[in-house]
N, C-alpha and C. Protein backbone atom coordinates (compact mmCIF):
# COMPACT_ATOMS: atom_id res chain seq x y z
N MET A 1 -17.71 4.47 -1.09
CA MET A 1 -16.70 4.25 -0.08
C MET A 1 -16.10 5.61 0.29
N GLU A 2 -15.85 5.79 1.56
CA GLU A 2 -15.30 7.05 2.06
C GLU A 2 -13.85 7.24 1.62
N ARG A 3 -13.49 8.48 1.43
CA ARG A 3 -12.13 8.83 1.02
C ARG A 3 -11.08 8.29 2.00
N ALA A 4 -11.33 8.41 3.30
CA ALA A 4 -10.38 7.92 4.31
C ALA A 4 -10.18 6.41 4.18
N ASP A 5 -11.26 5.68 3.88
CA ASP A 5 -11.16 4.23 3.72
C ASP A 5 -10.32 3.89 2.48
N ILE A 6 -10.54 4.63 1.39
CA ILE A 6 -9.78 4.40 0.16
C ILE A 6 -8.29 4.63 0.43
N GLU A 7 -7.96 5.73 1.09
CA GLU A 7 -6.55 6.02 1.40
C GLU A 7 -5.95 4.92 2.28
N ARG A 8 -6.68 4.51 3.30
CA ARG A 8 -6.19 3.48 4.22
C ARG A 8 -5.93 2.16 3.48
N ILE A 9 -6.88 1.77 2.64
CA ILE A 9 -6.76 0.50 1.90
C ILE A 9 -5.60 0.57 0.91
N PHE A 10 -5.52 1.65 0.13
CA PHE A 10 -4.46 1.76 -0.88
C PHE A 10 -3.09 1.83 -0.22
N GLU A 11 -2.98 2.54 0.89
CA GLU A 11 -1.70 2.62 1.62
C GLU A 11 -1.30 1.25 2.17
N ALA A 12 -2.25 0.50 2.72
CA ALA A 12 -1.95 -0.84 3.25
C ALA A 12 -1.55 -1.77 2.11
N TYR A 13 -2.25 -1.67 0.98
CA TYR A 13 -1.89 -2.47 -0.19
C TYR A 13 -0.48 -2.13 -0.64
N PHE A 14 -0.19 -0.84 -0.70
CA PHE A 14 1.15 -0.39 -1.10
C PHE A 14 2.21 -1.00 -0.18
N GLU A 15 2.01 -0.92 1.13
CA GLU A 15 3.00 -1.43 2.07
C GLU A 15 3.23 -2.93 1.90
N LYS A 16 2.19 -3.66 1.54
CA LYS A 16 2.33 -5.11 1.39
C LYS A 16 2.98 -5.50 0.07
N TYR A 17 2.68 -4.78 -1.02
CA TYR A 17 3.10 -5.20 -2.35
C TYR A 17 4.11 -4.29 -3.04
N LYS A 18 4.64 -3.31 -2.35
CA LYS A 18 5.56 -2.37 -3.00
C LYS A 18 6.84 -3.07 -3.46
N LYS A 19 7.36 -2.56 -4.54
CA LYS A 19 8.63 -3.02 -5.12
C LYS A 19 9.49 -1.80 -5.37
N THR A 20 10.79 -1.96 -5.20
CA THR A 20 11.68 -0.84 -5.44
C THR A 20 11.85 -0.61 -6.93
N GLU A 21 12.12 0.62 -7.28
CA GLU A 21 12.38 0.98 -8.66
C GLU A 21 13.86 0.76 -9.01
N GLY A 22 14.64 0.24 -8.08
CA GLY A 22 16.03 -0.09 -8.36
C GLY A 22 17.02 0.58 -7.45
N ASP A 23 16.83 1.86 -7.18
CA ASP A 23 17.81 2.58 -6.38
C ASP A 23 17.35 2.79 -4.94
N ARG A 24 16.22 2.20 -4.58
CA ARG A 24 15.65 2.25 -3.23
C ARG A 24 15.24 3.66 -2.78
N THR A 25 15.10 4.57 -3.74
CA THR A 25 14.55 5.89 -3.40
C THR A 25 13.10 5.99 -3.88
N ALA A 26 12.68 5.05 -4.72
CA ALA A 26 11.32 5.03 -5.24
C ALA A 26 10.75 3.62 -5.10
N TRP A 27 9.51 3.56 -4.61
CA TRP A 27 8.81 2.30 -4.42
C TRP A 27 7.45 2.41 -5.07
N SER A 28 7.01 1.34 -5.74
CA SER A 28 5.72 1.36 -6.44
C SER A 28 4.91 0.11 -6.16
N ALA A 29 3.61 0.26 -6.25
CA ALA A 29 2.67 -0.86 -6.22
C ALA A 29 1.60 -0.60 -7.27
N TYR A 30 1.21 -1.66 -7.96
CA TYR A 30 0.24 -1.56 -9.06
C TYR A 30 -1.03 -2.30 -8.71
N TRP A 31 -2.14 -1.82 -9.20
CA TRP A 31 -3.41 -2.53 -9.12
C TRP A 31 -4.06 -2.45 -10.48
N THR A 32 -4.49 -3.59 -11.00
CA THR A 32 -5.17 -3.63 -12.29
C THR A 32 -6.59 -4.13 -12.07
N ASP A 33 -7.55 -3.41 -12.64
CA ASP A 33 -8.95 -3.77 -12.53
C ASP A 33 -9.50 -3.96 -13.94
N MET A 34 -9.82 -5.21 -14.28
CA MET A 34 -10.38 -5.51 -15.60
C MET A 34 -11.90 -5.55 -15.48
N THR A 35 -12.54 -4.68 -16.24
CA THR A 35 -14.00 -4.58 -16.20
C THR A 35 -14.55 -4.79 -17.61
N PRO A 36 -15.84 -5.00 -17.75
CA PRO A 36 -16.43 -5.09 -19.10
C PRO A 36 -16.26 -3.79 -19.89
N ASN A 37 -15.98 -2.68 -19.17
CA ASN A 37 -15.83 -1.38 -19.83
C ASN A 37 -14.39 -1.02 -20.13
N GLY A 38 -13.45 -1.90 -19.84
CA GLY A 38 -12.04 -1.64 -20.11
C GLY A 38 -11.16 -2.04 -18.94
N VAL A 39 -9.89 -1.68 -19.06
CA VAL A 39 -8.90 -2.01 -18.04
C VAL A 39 -8.41 -0.72 -17.40
N LEU A 40 -8.47 -0.68 -16.07
CA LEU A 40 -7.99 0.45 -15.30
C LEU A 40 -6.80 -0.01 -14.48
N GLU A 41 -5.68 0.67 -14.61
CA GLU A 41 -4.50 0.35 -13.82
C GLU A 41 -4.13 1.57 -12.99
N LEU A 42 -3.92 1.33 -11.70
CA LEU A 42 -3.49 2.37 -10.78
C LEU A 42 -2.10 2.03 -10.29
N ASN A 43 -1.20 3.00 -10.35
CA ASN A 43 0.17 2.84 -9.88
C ASN A 43 0.41 3.90 -8.82
N LEU A 44 0.75 3.46 -7.62
CA LEU A 44 1.10 4.38 -6.54
C LEU A 44 2.60 4.27 -6.34
N THR A 45 3.29 5.39 -6.45
CA THR A 45 4.74 5.44 -6.27
C THR A 45 5.06 6.44 -5.18
N LYS A 46 5.94 6.04 -4.28
CA LYS A 46 6.45 6.98 -3.27
C LYS A 46 7.93 7.18 -3.58
N CYS A 47 8.28 8.45 -3.76
CA CYS A 47 9.63 8.80 -4.17
C CYS A 47 9.95 10.19 -3.62
N PRO A 48 11.14 10.71 -3.89
CA PRO A 48 11.46 12.05 -3.40
C PRO A 48 10.47 13.14 -3.85
N ARG A 49 9.78 12.94 -4.97
CA ARG A 49 8.78 13.92 -5.43
C ARG A 49 7.52 13.88 -4.59
N GLY A 50 7.30 12.80 -3.84
CA GLY A 50 6.10 12.64 -3.02
C GLY A 50 5.35 11.38 -3.40
N THR A 51 4.05 11.39 -3.14
CA THR A 51 3.18 10.27 -3.50
C THR A 51 2.64 10.55 -4.90
N VAL A 52 3.05 9.73 -5.84
CA VAL A 52 2.72 9.94 -7.25
C VAL A 52 1.77 8.83 -7.70
N PHE A 53 0.72 9.23 -8.40
CA PHE A 53 -0.22 8.27 -8.95
C PHE A 53 -0.15 8.34 -10.47
N LYS A 54 -0.05 7.17 -11.09
CA LYS A 54 -0.14 7.08 -12.54
C LYS A 54 -1.39 6.26 -12.83
N ILE A 55 -2.24 6.78 -13.69
CA ILE A 55 -3.50 6.13 -14.02
C ILE A 55 -3.46 5.77 -15.50
N PHE A 56 -3.73 4.49 -15.77
CA PHE A 56 -3.75 3.99 -17.14
C PHE A 56 -5.15 3.46 -17.45
N VAL A 57 -5.63 3.79 -18.65
CA VAL A 57 -6.90 3.27 -19.13
C VAL A 57 -6.61 2.50 -20.41
N ASP A 58 -6.95 1.23 -20.42
CA ASP A 58 -6.69 0.37 -21.57
C ASP A 58 -5.23 0.47 -22.02
N LYS A 59 -4.34 0.39 -21.05
CA LYS A 59 -2.88 0.37 -21.25
C LYS A 59 -2.30 1.69 -21.76
N LYS A 60 -3.09 2.76 -21.77
CA LYS A 60 -2.61 4.08 -22.17
C LYS A 60 -2.63 4.99 -20.96
N LYS A 61 -1.55 5.73 -20.75
CA LYS A 61 -1.49 6.63 -19.59
C LYS A 61 -2.53 7.73 -19.73
N ALA A 62 -3.43 7.79 -18.74
CA ALA A 62 -4.47 8.80 -18.75
C ALA A 62 -4.07 10.01 -17.91
N ALA A 63 -3.25 9.78 -16.87
CA ALA A 63 -2.86 10.89 -15.99
C ALA A 63 -1.71 10.47 -15.09
N GLU A 64 -0.98 11.49 -14.63
CA GLU A 64 0.04 11.33 -13.59
C GLU A 64 -0.11 12.53 -12.67
N VAL A 65 -0.38 12.27 -11.40
CA VAL A 65 -0.63 13.34 -10.45
C VAL A 65 0.12 13.08 -9.15
N ILE A 66 0.32 14.15 -8.38
CA ILE A 66 1.02 14.03 -7.10
C ILE A 66 0.06 14.39 -5.98
N GLY A 67 -0.08 13.47 -5.03
CA GLY A 67 -0.89 13.72 -3.84
C GLY A 67 -2.29 13.15 -3.92
N TRP A 68 -2.86 12.91 -2.74
CA TRP A 68 -4.19 12.31 -2.65
C TRP A 68 -5.28 13.22 -3.20
N ASP A 69 -5.20 14.53 -2.95
CA ASP A 69 -6.23 15.43 -3.45
C ASP A 69 -6.31 15.36 -4.97
N ALA A 70 -5.17 15.40 -5.62
CA ALA A 70 -5.12 15.32 -7.08
C ALA A 70 -5.62 13.96 -7.57
N PHE A 71 -5.31 12.90 -6.82
CA PHE A 71 -5.78 11.56 -7.19
C PHE A 71 -7.30 11.53 -7.24
N PHE A 72 -7.94 12.01 -6.18
CA PHE A 72 -9.40 11.95 -6.13
C PHE A 72 -10.04 12.83 -7.21
N GLU A 73 -9.48 13.99 -7.47
CA GLU A 73 -9.99 14.85 -8.55
C GLU A 73 -9.86 14.15 -9.90
N THR A 74 -8.70 13.56 -10.13
CA THR A 74 -8.43 12.89 -11.41
C THR A 74 -9.34 11.67 -11.59
N MET A 75 -9.58 10.92 -10.52
CA MET A 75 -10.43 9.74 -10.64
C MET A 75 -11.87 10.13 -10.93
N GLU A 76 -12.32 11.28 -10.45
CA GLU A 76 -13.65 11.77 -10.81
C GLU A 76 -13.72 12.02 -12.31
N GLN A 77 -12.65 12.60 -12.86
CA GLN A 77 -12.60 12.87 -14.30
C GLN A 77 -12.53 11.57 -15.10
N VAL A 78 -11.73 10.61 -14.62
CA VAL A 78 -11.64 9.31 -15.30
C VAL A 78 -13.02 8.65 -15.32
N ALA A 79 -13.73 8.69 -14.19
CA ALA A 79 -15.07 8.11 -14.13
C ALA A 79 -16.03 8.80 -15.10
N ALA A 80 -15.90 10.11 -15.25
CA ALA A 80 -16.76 10.85 -16.18
C ALA A 80 -16.41 10.54 -17.63
N ASP A 81 -15.12 10.42 -17.92
CA ASP A 81 -14.66 10.17 -19.29
C ASP A 81 -14.88 8.73 -19.74
N HIS A 82 -14.89 7.80 -18.77
CA HIS A 82 -15.00 6.36 -19.08
C HIS A 82 -16.07 5.74 -18.18
N PRO A 83 -17.34 5.97 -18.50
CA PRO A 83 -18.43 5.48 -17.64
C PRO A 83 -18.32 3.98 -17.38
N GLY A 84 -18.51 3.61 -16.12
CA GLY A 84 -18.49 2.20 -15.73
C GLY A 84 -17.11 1.62 -15.50
N LEU A 85 -16.06 2.38 -15.79
CA LEU A 85 -14.70 1.84 -15.62
C LEU A 85 -14.23 1.91 -14.17
N TYR A 86 -14.49 3.02 -13.51
CA TYR A 86 -14.01 3.21 -12.14
C TYR A 86 -15.18 3.10 -11.17
N ALA A 87 -15.17 2.02 -10.41
CA ALA A 87 -16.18 1.80 -9.37
C ALA A 87 -15.42 1.65 -8.05
N PRO A 88 -15.22 2.77 -7.33
CA PRO A 88 -14.37 2.72 -6.14
C PRO A 88 -14.81 1.73 -5.08
N ASP A 89 -16.12 1.55 -4.88
CA ASP A 89 -16.58 0.61 -3.86
C ASP A 89 -16.10 -0.80 -4.17
N THR A 90 -16.24 -1.22 -5.40
CA THR A 90 -15.82 -2.56 -5.80
C THR A 90 -14.30 -2.68 -5.86
N LEU A 91 -13.66 -1.71 -6.49
CA LEU A 91 -12.22 -1.76 -6.68
C LEU A 91 -11.49 -1.83 -5.33
N PHE A 92 -11.83 -0.96 -4.41
CA PHE A 92 -11.09 -0.92 -3.16
C PHE A 92 -11.51 -2.03 -2.19
N ALA A 93 -12.72 -2.56 -2.35
CA ALA A 93 -13.11 -3.75 -1.59
C ALA A 93 -12.27 -4.95 -2.06
N ASP A 94 -12.08 -5.06 -3.37
CA ASP A 94 -11.23 -6.14 -3.92
C ASP A 94 -9.78 -5.98 -3.46
N MET A 95 -9.30 -4.72 -3.46
CA MET A 95 -7.94 -4.45 -3.02
C MET A 95 -7.77 -4.83 -1.55
N GLU A 96 -8.76 -4.50 -0.75
CA GLU A 96 -8.71 -4.82 0.68
C GLU A 96 -8.66 -6.33 0.90
N THR A 97 -9.36 -7.08 0.06
CA THR A 97 -9.34 -8.55 0.15
C THR A 97 -7.93 -9.08 -0.12
N ALA A 98 -7.18 -8.42 -1.01
CA ALA A 98 -5.83 -8.86 -1.36
C ALA A 98 -4.82 -8.59 -0.24
N ILE A 99 -5.21 -7.73 0.69
CA ILE A 99 -4.30 -7.41 1.79
C ILE A 99 -4.38 -8.54 2.75
């Protein structure tokens, strides 16, 4: 799946499912993908710091990065460290269906 499509889908998902963190300066949306190789959770937060991504693997925080460029770099590393866990074509197609 193309990077532009992933950004478009994740942003649309965020707009539909975002929840405030309480003070209305930070908004988050979560996506959980359960696979035979483990559980991948993606958290997109928009706050004064920018667009922040928190990535969890099997309920343990694997990374926290700011910006789309860092997200894509980090997800390449997650895919390398956890083979079969991150399948962007399937994950973002499922996310798009939820929109």
